[in-house]
Amino acid sequence: MTQSLYEQLVMQTQMNYSQYYGVYASGKTPVKLTERQPLPYDQQIKVFAEKVKEADHIIVGGASGLSAAGGGDFYYAATPSYQQAFKRFYEKYHFTGAFAGMRHRWSSRGEFWGYLATFLPLSMPQFGSPTRTFRRFSGIRTTLF
């Protein structure tokens, strides 16, 4: 089966993430970022506040930590919100959170896209409902479940 460029990118990202899942789940990074020891927290805040005051502009970026801060508690654990949002997948596979499903070797592309269409609206609300997301990527007008 030939994959589109988008599917190839999704699969490569999934494989890269899978390789380091345990490291990310523990709140760490697979790459050592510095040899220096961090300043004590209160000093870090002081330095940060000084830099903000001195800055002409501030660019804010966010990743999964921002989602977690916004209430997304379903990424690394089978929380009640995960079990509700991913009910059918949880009942069938008993994944321990949304990212565990992203690492799963699906038996069909349909199941993979069904899971992805459930995952994306939760982590990226601009995609809308799972059915709308599936239609957007596949061009197929159908219901998922």
Foldseek 3Di string as FASTA:
>chain_A
DDDDPVVVVLVVVLVVCVVCVVQVLVVHDPDDDDPDDDDPPVVVVVVVVVCVVPDPDDDDDDDVVVVVVVPPPFAQACDPVNCVLVVVCCVVPVAGGLSSLSNDDDPDVLVVLLSVLSPCCSSPVVCPHSQSVSCVVPVDNDDND
